[in-house]
């Protein structure tokens, strides 16, 4: 099961957090500088790039 079959999802909250989920479950929540840096990268990345960024943010890139 890869990123195509079960992609990561993300959403930014009003207070600047980035919540990353996969399969309907929250995997990680980024706050502060890490969240701001990831948001900047997510806005310019293509779909595949977004998935790779989210995988790295969660630590699951080793398994993908």
PDB file of N, CA and C in Angstrom:
ATOM      1  N   UNK A   1       0.846  -1.169   0.000  1.00  0.00           N
ATOM      2  CA  UNK A   1       0.000   0.000   0.000  1.00  0.00           C
ATOM      3  C   UNK A   1       0.893   1.234   0.000  1.00  0.00           C
ATOM      4  N   UNK A   2       0.786   2.026  -1.042  1.00  0.00           N
ATOM      5  CA  UNK A   2       1.627   3.201  -1.177  1.00  0.00           C
ATOM      6  C   UNK A   2       0.847   4.485  -1.028  1.00  0.00           C
ATOM      7  N   UNK A   3       1.505   5.560  -1.367  1.00  0.00           N
ATOM      8  CA  UNK A   3       0.878   6.868  -1.248  1.00  0.00           C
ATOM      9  C   UNK A   3      -0.266   7.058  -2.228  1.00  0.00           C
ATOM     10  N   UNK A   4      -0.233   6.361  -3.349  1.00  0.00           N
ATOM     11  CA  UNK A   4      -1.323   6.479  -4.306  1.00  0.00           C
ATOM     12  C   UNK A   4      -2.602   5.848  -3.756  1.00  0.00           C
ATOM     13  N   UNK A   5      -2.456   4.724  -3.068  1.00  0.00           N
ATOM     14  CA  UNK A   5      -3.605   4.005  -2.524  1.00  0.00           C
ATOM     15  C   UNK A   5      -4.137   4.628  -1.245  1.00  0.00           C
ATOM     16  N   UNK A   6      -3.252   5.170  -0.432  1.00  0.00           N
ATOM     17  CA  UNK A   6      -3.624   5.712   0.868  1.00  0.00           C
ATOM     18  C   UNK A   6      -2.831   6.996   1.130  1.00  0.00           C
ATOM     19  N   UNK A   7      -3.239   8.092   0.478  1.00  0.00           N
ATOM     20  CA  UNK A   7      -2.456   9.330   0.583  1.00  0.00           C
ATOM     21  C   UNK A   7      -2.617  10.022   1.943  1.00  0.00           C
ATOM     22  N   UNK A   8      -1.645  10.848   2.254  1.00  0.00           N
ATOM     23  CA  UNK A   8      -1.738  11.707   3.424  1.00  0.00           C
ATOM     24  C   UNK A   8      -2.684  12.856   3.116  1.00  0.00           C
ATOM     25  N   UNK A   9      -3.318  13.370   4.143  1.00  0.00           N
ATOM     26  CA  UNK A   9      -4.155  14.561   4.035  1.00  0.00           C
ATOM     27  C   UNK A   9      -3.632  15.558   5.058  1.00  0.00           C
ATOM     28  N   UNK A  10      -3.858  16.825   4.809  1.00  0.00           N
ATOM     29  CA  UNK A  10      -3.410  17.826   5.764  1.00  0.00           C
ATOM     30  C   UNK A  10      -4.396  18.973   5.819  1.00  0.00           C
ATOM     31  N   UNK A  11      -4.345  19.676   6.944  1.00  0.00           N
ATOM     32  CA  UNK A  11      -5.115  20.910   7.063  1.00  0.00           C
ATOM     33  C   UNK A  11      -4.412  21.832   8.036  1.00  0.00           C
ATOM     34  N   UNK A  12      -4.517  23.118   7.752  1.00  0.00           N
ATOM     35  CA  UNK A  12      -3.937  24.138   8.612  1.00  0.00           C
ATOM     36  C   UNK A  12      -5.040  24.683   9.513  1.00  0.00           C
ATOM     37  N   UNK A  13      -4.731  24.899  10.765  1.00  0.00           N
ATOM     38  CA  UNK A  13      -5.701  25.434  11.708  1.00  0.00           C
ATOM     39  C   UNK A  13      -5.508  26.939  11.853  1.00  0.00           C
ATOM     40  N   UNK A  14      -6.476  27.579  12.484  1.00  0.00           N
ATOM     41  CA  UNK A  14      -6.421  29.027  12.675  1.00  0.00           C
ATOM     42  C   UNK A  14      -5.228  29.455  13.520  1.00  0.00           C
ATOM     43  N   UNK A  15      -4.822  28.602  14.438  1.00  0.00           N
ATOM     44  CA  UNK A  15      -3.710  28.974  15.319  1.00  0.00           C
ATOM     45  C   UNK A  15      -2.346  28.559  14.769  1.00  0.00           C
ATOM     46  N   UNK A  16      -2.263  28.220  13.487  1.00  0.00           N
ATOM     47  CA  UNK A  16      -0.985  27.978  12.834  1.00  0.00           C
ATOM     48  C   UNK A  16      -0.474  26.551  12.890  1.00  0.00           C
ATOM     49  N   UNK A  17      -1.264  25.641  13.377  1.00  0.00           N
ATOM     50  CA  UNK A  17      -0.846  24.243  13.403  1.00  0.00           C
ATOM     51  C   UNK A  17      -1.140  23.589  12.059  1.00  0.00           C
ATOM     52  N   UNK A  18      -0.374  22.561  11.742  1.00  0.00           N
ATOM     53  CA  UNK A  18      -0.629  21.750  10.557  1.00  0.00           C
ATOM     54  C   UNK A  18      -0.902  20.336  11.041  1.00  0.00           C
ATOM     55  N   UNK A  19      -2.099  19.860  10.755  1.00  0.00           N
ATOM     56  CA  UNK A  19      -2.488  18.506  11.157  1.00  0.00           C
ATOM     57  C   UNK A  19      -2.353  17.591   9.942  1.00  0.00           C
ATOM     58  N   UNK A  20      -1.629  16.502  10.113  1.00  0.00           N
ATOM     59  CA  UNK A  20      -1.390  15.547   9.034  1.00  0.00           C
ATOM     60  C   UNK A  20      -2.108  14.247   9.395  1.00  0.00           C
ATOM     61  N   UNK A  21      -2.912  13.757   8.454  1.00  0.00           N
ATOM     62  CA  UNK A  21      -3.684  12.542   8.692  1.00  0.00           C
ATOM     63  C   UNK A  21      -3.477  11.562   7.550  1.00  0.00           C
ATOM     64  N   UNK A  22      -3.749  10.314   7.852  1.00  0.00           N
ATOM     65  CA  UNK A  22      -3.705   9.255   6.833  1.00  0.00           C
ATOM     66  C   UNK A  22      -4.721   8.207   7.239  1.00  0.00           C
ATOM     67  N   UNK A  23      -5.563   7.836   6.307  1.00  0.00           N
ATOM     68  CA  UNK A  23      -6.586   6.849   6.603  1.00  0.00           C
ATOM     69  C   UNK A  23      -7.608   7.340   7.615  1.00  0.00           C
ATOM     70  N   UNK A  24      -7.843   8.649   7.645  1.00  0.00           N
ATOM     71  CA  UNK A  24      -8.826   9.208   8.548  1.00  0.00           C
ATOM     72  C   UNK A  24      -8.337   9.434   9.971  1.00  0.00           C
ATOM     73  N   UNK A  25      -7.090   9.111  10.240  1.00  0.00           N
ATOM     74  CA  UNK A  25      -6.526   9.286  11.581  1.00  0.00           C
ATOM     75  C   UNK A  25      -5.412  10.311  11.555  1.00  0.00           C
ATOM     76  N   UNK A  26      -5.381  11.164  12.585  1.00  0.00           N
ATOM     77  CA  UNK A  26      -4.314  12.137  12.693  1.00  0.00           C
ATOM     78  C   UNK A  26      -3.019  11.424  13.030  1.00  0.00           C
ATOM     79  N   UNK A  27      -2.012  11.666  12.209  1.00  0.00           N
ATOM     80  CA  UNK A  27      -0.714  11.022  12.385  1.00  0.00           C
ATOM     81  C   UNK A  27       0.199  11.914  13.217  1.00  0.00           C
ATOM     82  N   UNK A  28       0.202  13.213  12.906  1.00  0.00           N
ATOM     83  CA  UNK A  28       1.048  14.150  13.640  1.00  0.00           C
ATOM     84  C   UNK A  28       0.470  15.548  13.535  1.00  0.00           C
ATOM     85  N   UNK A  29       0.865  16.383  14.473  1.00  0.00           N
ATOM     86  CA  UNK A  29       0.494  17.796  14.472  1.00  0.00           C
ATOM     87  C   UNK A  29       1.777  18.604  14.593  1.00  0.00           C
ATOM     88  N   UNK A  30       2.006  19.472  13.627  1.00  0.00           N
ATOM     89  CA  UNK A  30       3.182  20.339  13.648  1.00  0.00           C
ATOM     90  C   UNK A  30       2.772  21.718  14.142  1.00  0.00           C
ATOM     91  N   UNK A  31       3.658  22.322  14.931  1.00  0.00           N
ATOM     92  CA  UNK A  31       3.386  23.639  15.489  1.00  0.00           C
ATOM     93  C   UNK A  31       4.596  24.543  15.270  1.00  0.00           C
ATOM     94  N   UNK A  32       4.380  25.821  15.424  1.00  0.00           N
ATOM     95  CA  UNK A  32       5.471  26.785  15.417  1.00  0.00           C
ATOM     96  C   UNK A  32       6.216  26.870  14.099  1.00  0.00           C
ATOM     97  N   UNK A  33       7.539  26.937  14.225  1.00  0.00           N
ATOM     98  CA  UNK A  33       8.395  27.111  13.050  1.00  0.00           C
ATOM     99  C   UNK A  33       8.296  25.938  12.085  1.00  0.00           C
ATOM    100  N   UNK A  34       8.154  24.738  12.618  1.00  0.00           N
ATOM    101  CA  UNK A  34       8.049  23.558  11.755  1.00  0.00           C
ATOM    102  C   UNK A  34       6.781  23.623  10.907  1.00  0.00           C
ATOM    103  N   UNK A  35       5.680  24.052  11.506  1.00  0.00           N
ATOM    104  CA  UNK A  35       4.417  24.168  10.781  1.00  0.00           C
ATOM    105  C   UNK A  35       4.516  25.254   9.714  1.00  0.00           C
ATOM    106  N   UNK A  36       5.094  26.391  10.064  1.00  0.00           N
ATOM    107  CA  UNK A  36       5.227  27.490   9.112  1.00  0.00           C
ATOM    108  C   UNK A  36       6.104  27.098   7.928  1.00  0.00           C
ATOM    109  N   UNK A  37       7.189  26.404   8.200  1.00  0.00           N
ATOM    110  CA  UNK A  37       8.084  25.967   7.131  1.00  0.00           C
ATOM    111  C   UNK A  37       7.386  24.974   6.207  1.00  0.00           C
ATOM    112  N   UNK A  38       6.659  24.030   6.791  1.00  0.00           N
ATOM    113  CA  UNK A  38       5.957  23.041   5.977  1.00  0.00           C
ATOM    114  C   UNK A  38       4.873  23.703   5.135  1.00  0.00           C
ATOM    115  N   UNK A  39       4.122  24.632   5.704  1.00  0.00           N
ATOM    116  CA  UNK A  39       3.078  25.327   4.945  1.00  0.00           C
ATOM    117  C   UNK A  39       3.658  26.041   3.737  1.00  0.00           C
ATOM    118  N   UNK A  40       4.801  26.681   3.914  1.00  0.00           N
ATOM    119  CA  UNK A  40       5.440  27.357   2.798  1.00  0.00           C
ATOM    120  C   UNK A  40       5.796  26.412   1.669  1.00  0.00           C
ATOM    121  N   UNK A  41       6.251  25.224   2.020  1.00  0.00           N
ATOM    122  CA  UNK A  41       6.622  24.231   1.006  1.00  0.00           C
ATOM    123  C   UNK A  41       5.397  23.592   0.363  1.00  0.00           C
ATOM    124  N   UNK A  42       4.345  23.363   1.152  1.00  0.00           N
ATOM    125  CA  UNK A  42       3.144  22.718   0.627  1.00  0.00           C
ATOM    126  C   UNK A  42       2.437  23.573  -0.417  1.00  0.00           C
ATOM    127  N   UNK A  43       2.506  24.880  -0.258  1.00  0.00           N
ATOM    128  CA  UNK A  43       1.787  25.765  -1.175  1.00  0.00           C
ATOM    129  C   UNK A  43       2.395  25.790  -2.571  1.00  0.00           C
ATOM    130  N   UNK A  44       3.657  25.431  -2.705  1.00  0.00           N
ATOM    131  CA  UNK A  44       4.304  25.469  -4.023  1.00  0.00           C
ATOM    132  C   UNK A  44       4.566  24.082  -4.613  1.00  0.00           C
ATOM    133  N   UNK A  45       4.302  23.027  -3.854  1.00  0.00           N
ATOM    134  CA  UNK A  45       4.592  21.659  -4.317  1.00  0.00           C
ATOM    135  C   UNK A  45       3.446  21.095  -5.147  1.00  0.00           C
ATOM    136  N   UNK A  46       3.790  20.193  -6.064  1.00  0.00           N
ATOM    137  CA  UNK A  46       2.759  19.473  -6.800  1.00  0.00           C
ATOM    138  C   UNK A  46       2.224  18.339  -5.927  1.00  0.00           C
ATOM    139  N   UNK A  47       1.275  17.572  -6.435  1.00  0.00           N
ATOM    140  CA  UNK A  47       0.627  16.530  -5.632  1.00  0.00           C
ATOM    141  C   UNK A  47       1.615  15.505  -5.095  1.00  0.00           C
ATOM    142  N   UNK A  48       2.517  15.044  -5.939  1.00  0.00           N
ATOM    143  CA  UNK A  48       3.505  14.061  -5.502  1.00  0.00           C
ATOM    144  C   UNK A  48       4.451  14.672  -4.468  1.00  0.00           C
ATOM    145  N   UNK A  49       4.832  15.909  -4.711  1.00  0.00           N
ATOM    146  CA  UNK A  49       5.699  16.606  -3.781  1.00  0.00           C
ATOM    147  C   UNK A  49       5.044  16.804  -2.420  1.00  0.00           C
ATOM    148  N   UNK A  50       3.758  17.114  -2.425  1.00  0.00           N
ATOM    149  CA  UNK A  50       3.014  17.272  -1.168  1.00  0.00           C
ATOM    150  C   UNK A  50       3.042  15.969  -0.380  1.00  0.00           C
ATOM    151  N   UNK A  51       2.815  14.854  -1.062  1.00  0.00           N
ATOM    152  CA  UNK A  51       2.815  13.561  -0.383  1.00  0.00           C
ATOM    153  C   UNK A  51       4.185  13.254   0.213  1.00  0.00           C
ATOM    154  N   UNK A  52       5.230  13.567  -0.511  1.00  0.00           N
ATOM    155  CA  UNK A  52       6.578  13.323  -0.003  1.00  0.00           C
ATOM    156  C   UNK A  52       6.883  14.210   1.201  1.00  0.00           C
ATOM    157  N   UNK A  53       6.476  15.476   1.138  1.00  0.00           N
ATOM    158  CA  UNK A  53       6.686  16.385   2.264  1.00  0.00           C
ATOM    159  C   UNK A  53       5.940  15.909   3.507  1.00  0.00           C
ATOM    160  N   UNK A  54       4.702  15.466   3.310  1.00  0.00           N
ATOM    161  CA  UNK A  54       3.917  14.994   4.451  1.00  0.00           C
ATOM    162  C   UNK A  54       4.491  13.702   5.020  1.00  0.00           C
ATOM    163  N   UNK A  55       4.972  12.832   4.160  1.00  0.00           N
ATOM    164  CA  UNK A  55       5.587  11.590   4.628  1.00  0.00           C
ATOM    165  C   UNK A  55       6.829  11.901   5.464  1.00  0.00           C
ATOM    166  N   UNK A  56       7.628  12.834   5.009  1.00  0.00           N
ATOM    167  CA  UNK A  56       8.827  13.222   5.765  1.00  0.00           C
ATOM    168  C   UNK A  56       8.452  13.870   7.094  1.00  0.00           C
ATOM    169  N   UNK A  57       7.418  14.686   7.086  1.00  0.00           N
ATOM    170  CA  UNK A  57       6.995  15.362   8.313  1.00  0.00           C
ATOM    171  C   UNK A  57       6.532  14.365   9.379  1.00  0.00           C
ATOM    172  N   UNK A  58       5.976  13.249   8.935  1.00  0.00           N
ATOM    173  CA  UNK A  58       5.482  12.255   9.882  1.00  0.00           C
ATOM    174  C   UNK A  58       6.530  11.211  10.245  1.00  0.00           C
ATOM    175  N   UNK A  59       7.596  11.133   9.456  1.00  0.00           N
ATOM    176  CA  UNK A  59       8.607  10.108   9.706  1.00  0.00           C
ATOM    177  C   UNK A  59       8.317   8.820   8.967  1.00  0.00           C
ATOM    178  N   UNK A  60       7.246   8.779   8.172  1.00  0.00           N
ATOM    179  CA  UNK A  60       6.868   7.570   7.451  1.00  0.00           C
ATOM    180  C   UNK A  60       7.542   7.441   6.095  1.00  0.00           C
ATOM    181  N   UNK A  61       8.443   8.357   5.769  1.00  0.00           N
ATOM    182  CA  UNK A  61       9.088   8.290   4.457  1.00  0.00           C
ATOM    183  C   UNK A  61       9.977   7.062   4.329  1.00  0.00           C
ATOM    184  N   UNK A  62      10.409   6.508   5.445  1.00  0.00           N
ATOM    185  CA  UNK A  62      11.258   5.300   5.395  1.00  0.00           C
ATOM    186  C   UNK A  62      10.464   4.085   4.927  1.00  0.00           C
ATOM    187  N   UNK A  63       9.150   4.149   5.097  1.00  0.00           N
ATOM    188  CA  UNK A  63       8.295   3.006   4.790  1.00  0.00           C
ATOM    189  C   UNK A  63       7.593   3.132   3.452  1.00  0.00           C
ATOM    190  N   UNK A  64       7.726   4.290   2.802  1.00  0.00           N
ATOM    191  CA  UNK A  64       6.982   4.544   1.557  1.00  0.00           C
ATOM    192  C   UNK A  64       7.825   4.189   0.371  1.00  0.00           C
TER     193      UNK A  64
END
